Amino acid sequence: PMLKLIQITDCHLVPEGDLLFDSDPARRLAAAIDSVISDHGDADLVVFSGDLAHDGLPEAYAVLRREPDQRQAHCMSSSGSGPYCMV
């Protein structure tokens, strides 16, 4: 059987409440996760890669952990720069 993988990359998250170039990366991430859940609920794995936090601040990574949790996506940490999630 084939696996269905979804990749979300280069989120450039910033701490909650901050904007990046007049845009809210957390809102874009939430929309992407919602799209995966509604349009690709049969995905076996969602991989977050690339520049996950714009400045590498712990508060930005907290946003990355929070968004999947709020949507009841199951996540596990890896030895890379971010989590791998299963929806």
Protein backbone atom coordinates (compact mmCIF):
# COMPACT_ATOMS: atom_id res chain seq x y z
CA PRO A 1 0.00 0.00 0.00
CA MET A 2 1.10 3.57 -0.69
CA LEU A 3 1.48 6.14 2.06
CA LYS A 4 0.00 9.60 1.75
CA LEU A 5 2.39 12.22 3.12
CA ILE A 6 1.74 15.93 3.48
CA GLN A 7 4.61 18.37 3.92
CA ILE A 8 4.20 21.81 5.47
CA THR A 9 7.41 23.75 5.19
CA ASP A 10 8.95 27.09 6.10
CA CYS A 11 6.27 28.31 8.49
CA HIS A 12 8.57 31.07 9.84
CA LEU A 13 6.55 31.21 13.05
CA VAL A 14 6.97 34.08 15.48
CA PRO A 15 5.83 34.36 19.12
CA GLU A 16 2.07 34.51 19.61
CA GLY A 17 0.71 37.98 18.90
CA ASP A 18 3.68 39.01 16.75
CA LEU A 19 3.45 39.63 13.03
CA LEU A 20 5.97 38.87 10.32
CA PHE A 21 5.89 41.34 7.42
CA ASP A 22 2.37 42.43 8.44
CA SER A 23 1.13 38.83 8.40
CA ASP A 24 0.37 36.27 11.11
CA PRO A 25 2.27 33.03 10.44
CA ALA A 26 0.28 31.23 13.16
CA ARG A 27 -2.96 32.01 11.34
CA ARG A 28 -1.52 30.67 8.08
CA LEU A 29 -0.33 27.52 9.86
CA ALA A 30 -3.75 27.01 11.42
CA ALA A 31 -5.38 27.34 7.99
CA ALA A 32 -2.92 24.83 6.51
CA ILE A 33 -3.57 22.29 9.29
CA ASP A 34 -7.34 22.78 8.96
CA SER A 35 -7.02 22.17 5.21
CA VAL A 36 -5.07 18.98 5.79
CA ILE A 37 -7.71 17.74 8.22
CA SER A 38 -10.68 18.63 6.00
CA ASP A 39 -9.22 17.84 2.57
CA HIS A 40 -6.62 15.18 3.34
CA GLY A 41 -7.93 13.40 6.42
CA ASP A 42 -6.66 10.16 4.94
CA ALA A 43 -3.04 11.33 5.13
CA ASP A 44 -0.74 8.93 6.94
CA LEU A 45 1.74 11.57 8.03
CA VAL A 46 2.22 15.34 8.02
CA VAL A 47 5.82 16.48 8.12
CA PHE A 48 6.80 19.98 9.22
CA SER A 49 10.13 21.01 7.74
CA GLY A 50 12.27 23.97 6.80
CA ASP A 51 12.44 27.21 8.75
CA LEU A 52 9.77 26.50 11.34
CA ALA A 53 10.51 29.48 13.60
CA HIS A 54 11.61 32.72 11.97
CA ASP A 55 14.14 33.67 14.63
CA GLY A 56 14.39 30.32 16.42
CA LEU A 57 12.70 31.63 19.56
CA PRO A 58 11.21 29.08 21.96
CA GLU A 59 7.95 31.07 22.02
CA ALA A 60 7.60 30.54 18.26
CA TYR A 61 8.12 26.79 18.61
CA ALA A 62 5.38 26.84 21.26
CA VAL A 63 2.99 28.05 18.53
CA LEU A 64 4.02 25.06 16.41
CA ARG A 65 3.26 22.68 19.26
CA ARG A 66 -0.05 24.37 20.10
CA GLU A 67 -1.68 24.45 16.67
CA PRO A 68 -1.77 20.67 16.00
CA ASP A 69 -2.76 20.00 19.63
CA GLN A 70 -5.79 22.29 19.32
CA ARG A 71 -6.90 20.24 16.34
CA GLN A 72 -6.33 16.88 18.05
CA ALA A 73 -3.56 15.94 15.62
CA HIS A 74 -1.20 13.38 17.11
CA CYS A 75 2.39 14.62 17.13
CA MET A 76 5.71 13.19 18.10
CA SER A 77 9.02 14.96 18.36
CA SER A 78 12.01 14.10 16.24
CA SER A 79 15.68 14.84 16.41
CA GLY A 80 15.26 17.56 13.79
CA SER A 81 13.97 21.07 14.06
CA GLY A 82 10.31 20.18 14.46
CA PRO A 83 7.60 17.62 15.07
CA TYR A 84 6.13 15.06 12.74
CA CYS A 85 2.35 14.82 12.98
CA MET A 86 -0.24 12.25 12.13
CA VAL A 87 -3.76 13.55 11.54
